[in-house]
Amino acid sequence: MNNANPTFRFARPLLGAAILAALAGPAHAQTAQLLPQQQRITDEAIHADHSTYEATQGRIQALNDGGRPIRDYHLSKAQCWLDVSFHEYSRNDRSDFPQAALAESERLIIGMEQGARPLPTDTPLVNNAKYLRDDLWQRLRVLHAAPGFACAAQQVACGEVELVHAGNEFNQQQWRHSKPYIQIAEELVNDAEALARQCDVAPAVVAAPAPLVANVLFEFDRDGYRDIRTYSLESIDRALGSIASEKLRLMDVVLVGHADRLQGRGFDANQALSERRARTVRELLIGRGLDPATIRYEYRGDTQQVQQCDGVRPRAALLECLLPNRRVEVRFEVTRPNE
């Protein structure tokens, strides 16, 4: 085993089998502490920090060997905090983020080692990470209360951590660097919702599945079909594909049009712009074969911003950062055929 070059990254499975086998062993009580930033300039210092990461990974493996499954929410979250810590350490992040994320991993590890009940479910914005994408945070909160949460716990845990990771990157290098981690978080949320819907839960607690959510994104101050970001249409097709593959019955489709704040909050034209966007998506769905009678739309103008982008410069970067606000949220209301 080469201790100088461990590889951590969620799922992106857990750490490679060879390293896990070598590190498995009894849990330790020491605090996982990286060397001060100014000391990370020698091979010896880096090796010491890698040893700290490997020891922490070993404690996670020991918990797994002791019977806590990988899909467990708290084990998954400890792993994902460790993953993002090492990821940023490897990218030479000189902020407090690697240590803070590592500390969150160990906080959960200690609780699991000691058999604490209940274990925490909060997700601190470590290193003063920016709170991004309130819509994704809300969907994650709903999943915590879903009957199928146990099947989606791993994706929920790591989605929460990736949103913090994205917020840290936003603070350091703005939207361009946070965007990949936002996309990872969004994929995890989508996967979690699908897993929760398909979870085999006891009949007594089966509830109507939550709506499938997609977001269609528009260019600035535009509302036509050709002004849609093409890749965002994949979220529509993914939702329709899930409805078919999971044999769900589509009852209603609710479209909610939005605009960004760039022309000034409360700008009257934003209300009309958000309505035109909703109408465009309605026609798009009809073109995909949906019954017009099942589709209704609303429009909120710039009253529900999911991403603030304060201080982002220059204008081109600001426009890109505000893209998630220029959306039509598509909510597919579904039931199971036997309901």
Protein backbone atom coordinates (compact mmCIF):
# COMPACT_ATOMS: atom_id res chain seq x y z
CA MET A 1 0.00 0.00 0.00
CA ASN A 2 1.26 3.45 -0.90
CA ASN A 3 0.42 5.63 2.10
CA ALA A 4 1.51 8.77 0.28
CA ASN A 5 -1.29 8.58 -2.26
CA PRO A 6 -4.64 7.45 -0.83
CA THR A 7 -7.73 7.94 -2.96
CA PHE A 8 -10.97 9.10 -1.34
CA ARG A 9 -14.13 10.05 -3.21
CA PHE A 10 -17.73 9.09 -2.79
CA ALA A 11 -19.29 6.92 -5.41
CA ARG A 12 -17.76 6.92 -6.40
CA PRO A 13 -17.62 4.00 -3.99
CA LEU A 14 -16.00 4.03 -0.59
CA LEU A 15 -12.21 3.71 -0.44
CA GLY A 16 -10.65 0.95 -2.52
CA ALA A 17 -10.79 -2.57 -1.14
CA ALA A 18 -7.05 -2.93 -0.69
CA ILE A 19 -6.75 0.19 1.46
CA LEU A 20 -9.88 -0.70 3.41
CA ALA A 21 -8.58 -4.15 4.22
CA ALA A 22 -5.25 -2.79 5.37
CA LEU A 23 -6.82 -0.13 7.54
CA ALA A 24 -9.62 -2.14 9.15
CA GLY A 25 -9.14 -2.40 12.88
CA PRO A 26 -10.36 -1.17 16.24
CA ALA A 27 -11.74 2.33 16.55
CA HIS A 28 -9.46 4.99 17.95
CA ALA A 29 -10.35 7.89 20.18
CA GLN A 30 -7.80 10.42 19.02
CA THR A 31 -8.79 13.63 17.32
CA ALA A 32 -8.23 13.71 13.57
CA GLN A 33 -6.05 16.78 13.20
CA LEU A 34 -4.25 17.98 10.08
CA LEU A 35 -0.97 19.83 10.37
CA PRO A 36 -1.15 23.64 10.24
CA GLN A 37 -1.32 24.96 6.71
CA GLN A 38 2.13 26.53 6.80
CA GLN A 39 3.67 23.15 7.59
CA ARG A 40 2.23 21.34 4.59
CA ILE A 41 5.36 21.89 2.53
CA THR A 42 7.36 18.71 3.03
CA ASP A 43 6.85 15.10 2.07
CA GLU A 44 6.92 14.19 5.74
CA ALA A 45 4.14 16.64 6.60
CA ILE A 46 1.96 15.49 3.73
CA HIS A 47 2.60 11.87 4.66
CA ALA A 48 1.49 12.62 8.22
CA ASP A 49 -1.74 14.19 7.01
CA HIS A 50 -2.38 11.27 4.68
CA SER A 51 -1.92 8.96 7.64
CA THR A 52 -4.57 10.97 9.50
CA TYR A 53 -6.97 10.52 6.61
CA GLU A 54 -6.21 6.82 6.38
CA ALA A 55 -6.72 6.32 10.11
CA THR A 56 -10.09 8.07 9.88
CA GLN A 57 -11.04 5.89 6.93
CA GLY A 58 -10.06 2.87 8.99
CA ARG A 59 -12.49 3.90 11.73
CA ILE A 60 -15.29 4.13 9.17
CA GLN A 61 -14.37 0.69 7.87
CA ALA A 62 -14.35 -0.71 11.41
CA LEU A 63 -17.89 0.58 11.93
CA ASN A 64 -18.95 -1.05 8.69
CA ASP A 65 -17.25 -4.31 9.68
CA GLY A 66 -19.07 -4.09 13.00
CA GLY A 67 -22.45 -4.20 11.30
CA ARG A 68 -23.34 -0.64 10.30
CA PRO A 69 -24.24 -0.81 6.60
CA ILE A 70 -22.74 1.49 4.00
CA ARG A 71 -26.24 2.78 3.17
CA ASP A 72 -26.65 4.03 6.76
CA TYR A 73 -27.20 7.80 6.82
CA HIS A 74 -24.57 8.62 9.45
CA LEU A 75 -21.90 6.27 8.11
CA SER A 76 -22.45 7.66 4.61
CA LYS A 77 -22.26 11.21 5.87
CA ALA A 78 -19.05 10.55 7.77
CA GLN A 79 -17.60 9.08 4.57
CA CYS A 80 -18.69 12.00 2.43
CA TRP A 81 -17.31 14.59 4.85
CA LEU A 82 -14.03 12.68 4.75
CA ASP A 83 -14.16 12.53 0.95
CA VAL A 84 -14.69 16.26 0.43
CA SER A 85 -12.05 17.07 3.04
CA PHE A 86 -9.45 14.98 1.26
CA HIS A 87 -10.57 16.23 -2.15
CA GLU A 88 -9.94 19.84 -1.16
CA TYR A 89 -6.74 18.98 0.72
CA SER A 90 -5.46 17.33 -2.47
CA ARG A 91 -6.34 20.48 -4.43
CA ASN A 92 -4.20 22.47 -1.99
CA ASP A 93 -7.11 24.25 -0.36
CA ARG A 94 -5.37 26.41 2.26
CA SER A 95 -8.57 27.46 4.01
CA ASP A 96 -10.00 25.84 7.12
CA PHE A 97 -12.36 23.71 5.04
CA PRO A 98 -10.34 20.45 4.93
CA GLN A 99 -9.94 20.43 8.71
CA ALA A 100 -13.54 21.50 9.35
CA ALA A 101 -14.96 18.82 7.05
CA LEU A 102 -12.66 16.22 8.61
CA ALA A 103 -13.88 17.27 12.07
CA GLU A 104 -17.49 16.76 10.97
CA SER A 105 -16.60 13.27 9.77
CA GLU A 106 -14.99 12.45 13.09
CA ARG A 107 -17.89 13.95 15.06
CA LEU A 108 -20.18 11.38 13.47
CA ILE A 109 -17.63 8.58 13.82
CA ILE A 110 -17.26 9.18 17.55
CA GLY A 111 -21.03 9.17 18.01
CA MET A 112 -21.32 5.86 16.17
CA GLU A 113 -18.37 4.34 18.04
CA GLN A 114 -19.91 5.31 21.37
CA GLY A 115 -23.40 4.17 20.41
CA ALA A 116 -24.87 7.64 20.95
CA ARG A 117 -28.62 8.06 20.44
CA PRO A 118 -29.86 10.02 18.67
CA LEU A 119 -27.05 10.85 16.29
CA PRO A 120 -27.06 14.37 14.81
CA THR A 121 -28.65 15.02 11.43
CA ASP A 122 -27.61 18.67 11.08
CA THR A 123 -25.32 19.74 8.25
CA PRO A 124 -23.18 22.70 9.36
CA LEU A 125 -22.03 25.20 6.76
CA VAL A 126 -18.41 24.66 7.75
CA ASN A 127 -15.81 27.33 7.02
CA ASN A 128 -18.75 29.76 6.58
CA ALA A 129 -19.76 28.05 3.34
CA LYS A 130 -22.36 29.91 1.31
CA TYR A 131 -25.90 28.56 1.57
CA LEU A 132 -26.74 27.69 -2.04
CA ARG A 133 -29.81 26.24 -3.77
CA ASP A 134 -32.52 26.44 -1.14
CA ASP A 135 -34.73 24.33 -3.43
CA LEU A 136 -32.35 21.38 -3.12
CA TRP A 137 -32.08 21.79 0.65
CA GLN A 138 -35.88 21.77 0.89
CA ARG A 139 -36.13 18.58 -1.16
CA LEU A 140 -33.54 16.94 1.10
CA ARG A 141 -35.53 17.94 4.19
CA VAL A 142 -38.65 16.36 2.71
CA LEU A 143 -36.73 13.14 2.07
CA HIS A 144 -35.77 12.88 5.74
CA ALA A 145 -39.47 12.46 6.55
CA ALA A 146 -40.29 10.18 3.60
CA PRO A 147 -41.34 6.57 4.30
CA GLY A 148 -38.61 5.37 1.93
CA PHE A 149 -35.82 7.40 3.53
CA ALA A 150 -33.89 4.29 4.57
CA CYS A 151 -33.37 3.38 0.92
CA ALA A 152 -32.21 6.89 0.03
CA ALA A 153 -30.17 7.76 3.13
CA GLN A 154 -26.75 7.45 1.50
CA GLN A 155 -27.66 9.81 -1.35
CA VAL A 156 -29.35 12.27 1.02
CA ALA A 157 -26.31 12.39 3.31
CA CYS A 158 -23.89 12.99 0.49
CA GLY A 159 -26.17 15.49 -1.25
CA GLU A 160 -26.15 17.60 1.90
CA VAL A 161 -22.36 17.46 2.15
CA GLU A 162 -21.89 18.31 -1.53
CA LEU A 163 -24.07 21.41 -1.12
CA VAL A 164 -21.75 22.58 1.66
CA HIS A 165 -18.77 21.73 -0.52
CA ALA A 166 -20.27 23.85 -3.30
CA GLY A 167 -20.86 26.73 -0.88
CA ASN A 168 -17.24 26.64 0.19
CA GLU A 169 -16.09 26.75 -3.42
CA PHE A 170 -18.44 29.64 -4.10
CA ASN A 171 -16.86 31.68 -1.32
CA GLN A 172 -13.38 30.98 -2.58
CA GLN A 173 -13.68 31.20 -6.36
CA GLN A 174 -17.32 32.04 -7.09
CA TRP A 175 -19.82 30.27 -9.25
CA ARG A 176 -17.54 28.66 -11.84
CA HIS A 177 -15.89 26.50 -9.18
CA SER A 178 -19.02 25.69 -7.21
CA LYS A 179 -21.12 24.66 -10.20
CA PRO A 180 -19.73 21.09 -10.59
CA TYR A 181 -20.53 20.30 -6.96
CA ILE A 182 -24.02 21.78 -7.28
CA GLN A 183 -24.56 19.44 -10.22
CA ILE A 184 -23.34 16.48 -8.15
CA ALA A 185 -25.72 17.47 -5.35
CA GLU A 186 -28.65 17.80 -7.75
CA GLU A 187 -27.97 14.34 -9.19
CA LEU A 188 -27.82 12.90 -5.68
CA VAL A 189 -31.15 14.52 -4.77
CA ASN A 190 -32.78 13.13 -7.92
CA ASP A 191 -31.38 9.67 -7.21
CA ALA A 192 -32.51 9.86 -3.58
CA GLU A 193 -36.07 10.73 -4.56
CA ALA A 194 -36.20 7.83 -7.00
CA LEU A 195 -34.84 5.39 -4.41
CA ALA A 196 -37.31 6.61 -1.79
CA ARG A 197 -40.24 6.13 -4.17
CA GLN A 198 -39.16 2.59 -5.02
CA CYS A 199 -38.34 1.58 -1.45
CA ASP A 200 -40.08 -1.55 -0.23
CA VAL A 201 -41.60 -0.22 2.99
CA ALA A 202 -44.23 -1.83 5.18
CA PRO A 203 -47.78 -1.41 3.79
CA ALA A 204 -48.87 0.40 6.95
CA VAL A 205 -46.54 3.30 6.22
CA VAL A 206 -46.82 3.47 2.45
CA ALA A 207 -47.76 6.99 1.40
CA ALA A 208 -48.43 8.62 -1.92
CA PRO A 209 -45.11 9.18 -3.68
CA ALA A 210 -43.73 12.69 -3.60
CA PRO A 211 -43.92 14.70 -6.82
CA LEU A 212 -41.12 14.31 -9.32
CA VAL A 213 -39.42 17.67 -9.79
CA ALA A 214 -37.62 18.98 -12.86
CA ASN A 215 -36.30 22.45 -13.67
CA VAL A 216 -36.24 23.94 -17.15
CA LEU A 217 -33.70 26.78 -17.37
CA PHE A 218 -33.82 29.84 -19.61
CA GLU A 219 -31.30 32.33 -20.92
CA PHE A 220 -31.40 35.82 -19.45
CA ASP A 221 -34.51 37.83 -20.36
CA ARG A 222 -35.70 35.09 -22.73
CA ASP A 223 -38.74 32.85 -22.73
CA GLY A 224 -38.92 30.89 -26.00
CA TYR A 225 -38.27 27.23 -26.69
CA ARG A 226 -34.95 28.07 -28.36
CA ASP A 227 -33.92 29.99 -25.22
CA ILE A 228 -34.00 26.90 -23.01
CA ARG A 229 -30.70 25.45 -21.86
CA THR A 230 -30.83 22.18 -23.76
CA TYR A 231 -29.31 20.07 -21.00
CA SER A 232 -32.06 21.14 -18.60
CA LEU A 233 -34.59 19.33 -20.79
CA GLU A 234 -32.92 16.11 -19.65
CA SER A 235 -34.56 16.62 -16.24
CA ILE A 236 -37.98 16.53 -17.95
CA ASP A 237 -37.14 13.38 -19.87
CA ARG A 238 -35.65 11.78 -16.79
CA ALA A 239 -38.83 12.43 -14.78
CA LEU A 240 -41.07 11.07 -17.55
CA GLY A 241 -38.81 8.05 -17.86
CA SER A 242 -39.04 7.41 -14.11
CA ILE A 243 -42.84 7.62 -14.24
CA ALA A 244 -42.88 4.98 -16.98
CA SER A 245 -40.24 2.67 -15.49
CA GLU A 246 -41.75 2.83 -11.99
CA LYS A 247 -45.26 2.32 -13.41
CA LEU A 248 -46.60 5.44 -11.72
CA ARG A 249 -49.83 7.16 -12.73
CA LEU A 250 -49.45 10.81 -13.71
CA MET A 251 -52.29 12.82 -12.18
CA ASP A 252 -51.35 16.46 -12.66
CA VAL A 253 -48.45 18.63 -13.76
CA VAL A 254 -47.86 21.95 -12.05
CA LEU A 255 -45.57 24.49 -13.72
CA VAL A 256 -44.21 27.41 -11.74
CA GLY A 257 -42.44 30.10 -13.74
CA HIS A 258 -39.66 32.22 -12.25
CA ALA A 259 -37.29 35.03 -13.21
CA ASP A 260 -34.00 36.21 -11.75
CA ARG A 261 -33.53 39.48 -9.86
CA LEU A 262 -31.16 41.14 -12.27
CA GLN A 263 -33.50 43.88 -13.45
CA GLY A 264 -34.37 44.74 -9.87
CA ARG A 265 -36.46 42.82 -7.36
CA GLY A 266 -40.14 43.43 -7.93
CA PHE A 267 -39.56 44.53 -11.54
CA ASP A 268 -43.01 44.25 -13.16
CA ALA A 269 -41.69 42.73 -16.37
CA ASN A 270 -40.30 39.76 -14.42
CA GLN A 271 -43.82 38.66 -13.55
CA ALA A 272 -44.85 38.56 -17.20
CA LEU A 273 -41.54 36.96 -18.17
CA SER A 274 -42.06 34.13 -15.70
CA GLU A 275 -45.57 33.56 -17.06
CA ARG A 276 -44.33 33.34 -20.66
CA ARG A 277 -41.71 30.81 -19.58
CA ALA A 278 -44.37 28.67 -17.91
CA ARG A 279 -46.49 28.79 -21.06
CA THR A 280 -43.52 27.75 -23.18
CA VAL A 281 -42.91 24.71 -20.99
CA ARG A 282 -46.61 23.86 -21.08
CA GLU A 283 -46.48 23.73 -24.88
CA LEU A 284 -43.29 21.69 -24.69
CA LEU A 285 -44.99 19.08 -22.49
CA ILE A 286 -48.03 18.93 -24.74
CA GLY A 287 -45.63 18.30 -27.59
CA ARG A 288 -44.25 15.36 -25.61
CA GLY A 289 -47.70 13.82 -25.46
CA LEU A 290 -49.05 15.02 -22.11
CA ASP A 291 -52.76 15.73 -21.83
CA PRO A 292 -53.29 19.53 -21.74
CA ALA A 293 -56.07 19.05 -19.19
CA THR A 294 -53.54 17.76 -16.65
CA ILE A 295 -51.22 20.77 -16.93
CA ARG A 296 -51.67 23.99 -15.02
CA TYR A 297 -49.23 26.80 -14.48
CA GLU A 298 -48.41 29.54 -12.02
CA TYR A 299 -45.83 32.31 -12.12
CA ARG A 300 -43.91 33.99 -9.34
CA GLY A 301 -41.70 36.57 -11.05
CA ASP A 302 -38.53 37.14 -9.01
CA THR A 303 -40.08 36.44 -5.60
CA GLN A 304 -38.48 33.01 -5.07
CA GLN A 305 -34.76 33.17 -5.76
CA VAL A 306 -32.99 29.87 -5.07
CA GLN A 307 -29.53 31.32 -5.63
CA GLN A 308 -28.49 34.81 -4.55
CA CYS A 309 -25.03 35.26 -6.13
CA ASP A 310 -24.19 38.29 -4.01
CA GLY A 311 -20.91 39.89 -5.01
CA VAL A 312 -20.39 37.80 -8.16
CA ARG A 313 -18.46 39.67 -10.86
CA PRO A 314 -18.17 40.29 -13.79
CA ARG A 315 -21.65 40.47 -15.33
CA ALA A 316 -21.18 37.34 -17.43
CA ALA A 317 -20.37 35.34 -14.30
CA LEU A 318 -23.36 36.86 -12.50
CA LEU A 319 -25.70 35.90 -15.34
CA GLU A 320 -24.45 32.33 -15.20
CA CYS A 321 -24.68 32.19 -11.43
CA LEU A 322 -28.30 33.39 -11.50
CA LEU A 323 -29.30 30.75 -14.07
CA PRO A 324 -31.10 28.47 -11.54
CA ASN A 325 -33.48 31.37 -10.82
CA ARG A 326 -34.48 31.66 -14.49
CA ARG A 327 -36.49 28.49 -14.34
CA VAL A 328 -39.79 26.79 -14.70
CA GLU A 329 -40.21 24.28 -11.92
CA VAL A 330 -42.11 21.26 -13.20
CA ARG A 331 -43.85 19.15 -10.57
CA PHE A 332 -45.24 15.84 -11.76
CA GLU A 333 -47.94 14.75 -9.27
CA VAL A 334 -48.12 10.96 -9.32
CA THR A 335 -49.79 8.03 -7.60
CA ARG A 336 -49.26 4.29 -7.70
CA PRO A 337 -51.72 2.37 -9.90
CA ASN A 338 -53.33 0.57 -6.93
CA GLU A 339 -54.03 3.77 -4.98
